């Protein structure tokens, strides 16, 4: 085991997220932010990685919520996921013998029901794209909104589409990568 401080592991952990887990850049940034914050907390408590216990992590998670900074259940879950991944990394590196974040419960989120746009709202959106688009981009912008509305794609899914994914005979997109890398 190592007596190094938490911040000693931040750069190698960032490389692990990128190279081993191949996480999306946005997820890596969020995890790195949480771990930098946790490292500051741990060092203020004189807590080395090998000494961290479940209660220490709970103290950190509760302190963040009690401070009034982002007390939401979603932020609790994000911080917990980052801590679980960090201690999994430390476990693989033989820095710790157990992952103290594993037994901590995730918070249950209540999702708001998503309401689709009404037909009038869809038409208004397409009309706005037509009306307010710069000259020479109207057809493209209207087509973008048509595809978004009729195919229920996310913006990231739309921008990743290629011409090869368009099957004009059947009038469908094929091989569209959805959230979670699903096809």
Protein backbone atom coordinates (compact mmCIF):
# COMPACT_ATOMS: atom_id res chain seq x y z
CA UNK A 1 0.00 0.00 0.00
CA UNK A 2 1.01 3.56 -0.58
CA UNK A 3 0.99 6.54 1.75
CA UNK A 4 0.84 8.98 -1.15
CA UNK A 5 -1.81 11.68 -1.08
CA UNK A 6 -4.92 11.71 -3.26
CA UNK A 7 -3.66 14.44 -5.58
CA UNK A 8 -0.69 12.22 -6.57
CA UNK A 9 -3.17 9.98 -8.37
CA UNK A 10 -5.14 12.64 -10.27
CA UNK A 11 -3.02 12.69 -13.45
CA UNK A 12 -2.69 8.88 -13.70
CA UNK A 13 -6.42 8.56 -13.03
CA UNK A 14 -7.19 11.03 -15.83
CA UNK A 15 -5.07 8.92 -18.18
CA UNK A 16 -6.89 5.77 -16.98
CA UNK A 17 -10.27 7.37 -17.77
CA UNK A 18 -9.06 8.34 -21.23
CA UNK A 19 -6.93 5.34 -22.23
CA UNK A 20 -8.38 2.37 -20.36
CA UNK A 21 -12.05 3.20 -19.89
CA UNK A 22 -12.22 5.39 -23.02
CA UNK A 23 -14.86 7.60 -21.45
CA UNK A 24 -16.37 10.48 -23.37
CA UNK A 25 -14.53 13.78 -22.82
CA UNK A 26 -17.50 15.34 -21.02
CA UNK A 27 -17.66 12.42 -18.54
CA UNK A 28 -13.90 12.53 -17.99
CA UNK A 29 -14.05 16.26 -17.25
CA UNK A 30 -16.84 15.77 -14.70
CA UNK A 31 -15.04 12.86 -13.00
CA UNK A 32 -11.74 14.75 -12.92
CA UNK A 33 -13.49 17.77 -11.38
CA UNK A 34 -15.08 15.61 -8.67
CA UNK A 35 -11.77 13.89 -7.92
CA UNK A 36 -9.87 17.17 -7.71
CA UNK A 37 -12.48 18.39 -5.24
CA UNK A 38 -12.32 15.10 -3.31
CA UNK A 39 -8.50 15.27 -3.20
CA UNK A 40 -8.72 18.74 -1.63
CA UNK A 41 -11.24 17.41 0.89
CA UNK A 42 -9.09 14.36 1.67
CA UNK A 43 -5.97 16.44 2.13
CA UNK A 44 -7.82 18.83 4.46
CA UNK A 45 -8.71 15.75 6.51
CA UNK A 46 -5.15 14.30 6.21
CA UNK A 47 -6.72 11.26 4.52
CA UNK A 48 -4.50 9.09 2.32
CA UNK A 49 -6.10 6.84 -0.34
CA UNK A 50 -5.22 3.65 1.53
CA UNK A 51 -6.92 4.97 4.66
CA UNK A 52 -10.20 6.00 3.03
CA UNK A 53 -13.26 4.23 4.35
CA UNK A 54 -16.95 4.27 3.48
CA UNK A 55 -17.66 6.77 6.28
CA UNK A 56 -15.01 9.16 4.91
CA UNK A 57 -16.65 9.11 1.48
CA UNK A 58 -20.09 9.61 2.99
CA UNK A 59 -18.70 12.55 4.97
CA UNK A 60 -17.44 14.09 1.72
CA UNK A 61 -20.71 13.46 -0.14
CA UNK A 62 -22.80 14.87 2.71
CA UNK A 63 -20.50 17.85 3.19
CA UNK A 64 -20.94 18.81 -0.45
CA UNK A 65 -24.71 18.61 -0.11
CA UNK A 66 -24.82 20.42 3.23
CA UNK A 67 -22.70 23.26 1.88
CA UNK A 68 -25.55 24.16 -0.44
CA UNK A 69 -23.48 23.46 -3.53
CA UNK A 70 -25.46 21.32 -5.92
CA UNK A 71 -27.35 19.25 -3.32
CA UNK A 72 -29.27 17.33 -5.96
CA UNK A 73 -29.58 13.57 -6.13
CA UNK A 74 -28.05 13.65 -9.61
CA UNK A 75 -24.91 15.35 -8.29
CA UNK A 76 -24.69 12.83 -5.43
CA UNK A 77 -24.82 10.04 -8.01
CA UNK A 78 -22.24 11.71 -10.24
CA UNK A 79 -19.83 12.19 -7.35
CA UNK A 80 -20.44 8.64 -6.19
CA UNK A 81 -19.79 7.24 -9.69
CA UNK A 82 -16.54 9.20 -9.90
CA UNK A 83 -15.45 7.96 -6.47
CA UNK A 84 -16.34 4.36 -7.32
CA UNK A 85 -14.33 4.58 -10.52
CA UNK A 86 -11.39 6.22 -8.74
CA UNK A 87 -11.22 3.56 -6.04
CA UNK A 88 -11.67 0.83 -8.65
CA UNK A 89 -8.57 2.29 -10.34
CA UNK A 90 -6.70 2.36 -7.00
CA UNK A 91 -7.74 -1.25 -6.41
CA UNK A 92 -6.31 -2.26 -9.80
CA UNK A 93 -3.10 -0.38 -8.94
CA UNK A 94 -2.83 -2.22 -5.57
CA UNK A 95 -3.05 1.05 -3.67
CA UNK A 96 -6.16 -0.09 -1.74
CA UNK A 97 -7.51 -3.54 -0.88
CA UNK A 98 -11.22 -2.70 -1.15
CA UNK A 99 -13.36 -0.10 -2.85
CA UNK A 100 -14.98 1.91 -0.03
CA UNK A 101 -17.43 3.55 -2.45
CA UNK A 102 -19.07 0.27 -3.52
CA UNK A 103 -21.46 -0.12 -0.55
CA UNK A 104 -22.70 3.47 -0.75
CA UNK A 105 -26.21 3.68 -2.15
CA UNK A 106 -27.07 5.73 -5.20
CA UNK A 107 -29.92 8.22 -4.79
CA UNK A 108 -33.15 7.40 -6.59
CA UNK A 109 -34.01 10.02 -9.16
CA UNK A 110 -37.56 10.88 -10.10
CA UNK A 111 -37.61 11.66 -13.77
CA UNK A 112 -39.94 14.27 -15.15
CA UNK A 113 -42.13 12.97 -17.91
CA UNK A 114 -40.93 14.22 -21.26
CA UNK A 115 -43.64 15.85 -23.27
CA UNK A 116 -43.31 15.80 -27.03
CA UNK A 117 -43.83 18.97 -29.03
CA UNK A 118 -47.30 19.49 -30.36
CA UNK A 119 -47.81 19.59 -34.13
CA UNK A 120 -48.18 23.38 -33.98
CA UNK A 121 -44.92 23.70 -32.02
CA UNK A 122 -43.11 21.49 -34.54
CA UNK A 123 -44.40 23.50 -37.47
CA UNK A 124 -43.44 26.76 -35.73
CA UNK A 125 -39.92 25.44 -35.18
CA UNK A 126 -39.52 24.46 -38.83
CA UNK A 127 -41.00 27.80 -39.93
CA UNK A 128 -38.53 29.65 -37.67
CA UNK A 129 -35.64 27.72 -39.20
CA UNK A 130 -36.90 28.64 -42.64
CA UNK A 131 -37.52 32.29 -41.76
CA UNK A 132 -34.38 33.07 -39.76
CA UNK A 133 -31.72 31.01 -41.52
CA UNK A 134 -29.04 32.83 -43.50
CA UNK A 135 -29.40 32.78 -47.25
CA UNK A 136 -28.12 29.50 -48.69
CA UNK A 137 -28.65 27.58 -45.43
CA UNK A 138 -32.44 27.50 -45.26
CA UNK A 139 -32.86 24.11 -46.92
CA UNK A 140 -30.17 22.56 -44.74
CA UNK A 141 -31.56 23.99 -41.51
CA UNK A 142 -35.13 22.99 -42.33
CA UNK A 143 -33.91 19.47 -43.17
CA UNK A 144 -32.05 19.30 -39.84
CA UNK A 145 -35.21 20.18 -37.91
CA UNK A 146 -37.30 17.79 -39.99
CA UNK A 147 -34.92 14.91 -39.23
CA UNK A 148 -34.76 15.83 -35.52
CA UNK A 149 -38.52 16.00 -35.19
CA UNK A 150 -39.49 13.01 -37.30
CA UNK A 151 -36.74 10.64 -36.14
CA UNK A 152 -36.59 11.67 -32.47
CA UNK A 153 -32.83 11.94 -32.62
CA UNK A 154 -30.65 13.72 -30.10
CA UNK A 155 -28.50 16.54 -31.40
CA UNK A 156 -25.30 14.45 -31.00
CA UNK A 157 -26.89 11.60 -32.95
CA UNK A 158 -27.94 13.97 -35.72
CA UNK A 159 -24.53 15.59 -36.17
CA UNK A 160 -22.81 12.19 -36.30
CA UNK A 161 -24.95 11.01 -39.24
CA UNK A 162 -23.21 10.35 -42.55
CA UNK A 163 -24.56 10.02 -46.07
CA UNK A 164 -23.69 6.31 -45.96
CA UNK A 165 -26.26 5.85 -43.20
CA UNK A 166 -29.09 7.05 -45.42
CA UNK A 167 -31.08 4.30 -47.16
CA UNK A 168 -33.09 6.24 -49.77
CA UNK A 169 -34.90 3.13 -51.01
CA UNK A 170 -36.44 2.37 -47.62
CA UNK A 171 -36.34 6.03 -46.48
CA UNK A 172 -34.55 5.22 -43.21
CA UNK A 173 -31.26 5.82 -41.45
CA UNK A 174 -29.23 2.69 -40.74
CA UNK A 175 -26.56 2.13 -38.09
CA UNK A 176 -27.40 5.25 -36.10
CA UNK A 177 -25.39 5.36 -32.87
CA UNK A 178 -27.69 6.29 -29.98
CA UNK A 179 -26.87 7.28 -26.42
CA UNK A 180 -24.96 4.54 -24.64
CA UNK A 181 -23.37 3.48 -27.95
CA UNK A 182 -26.52 1.54 -28.91
CA UNK A 183 -27.32 0.98 -32.59
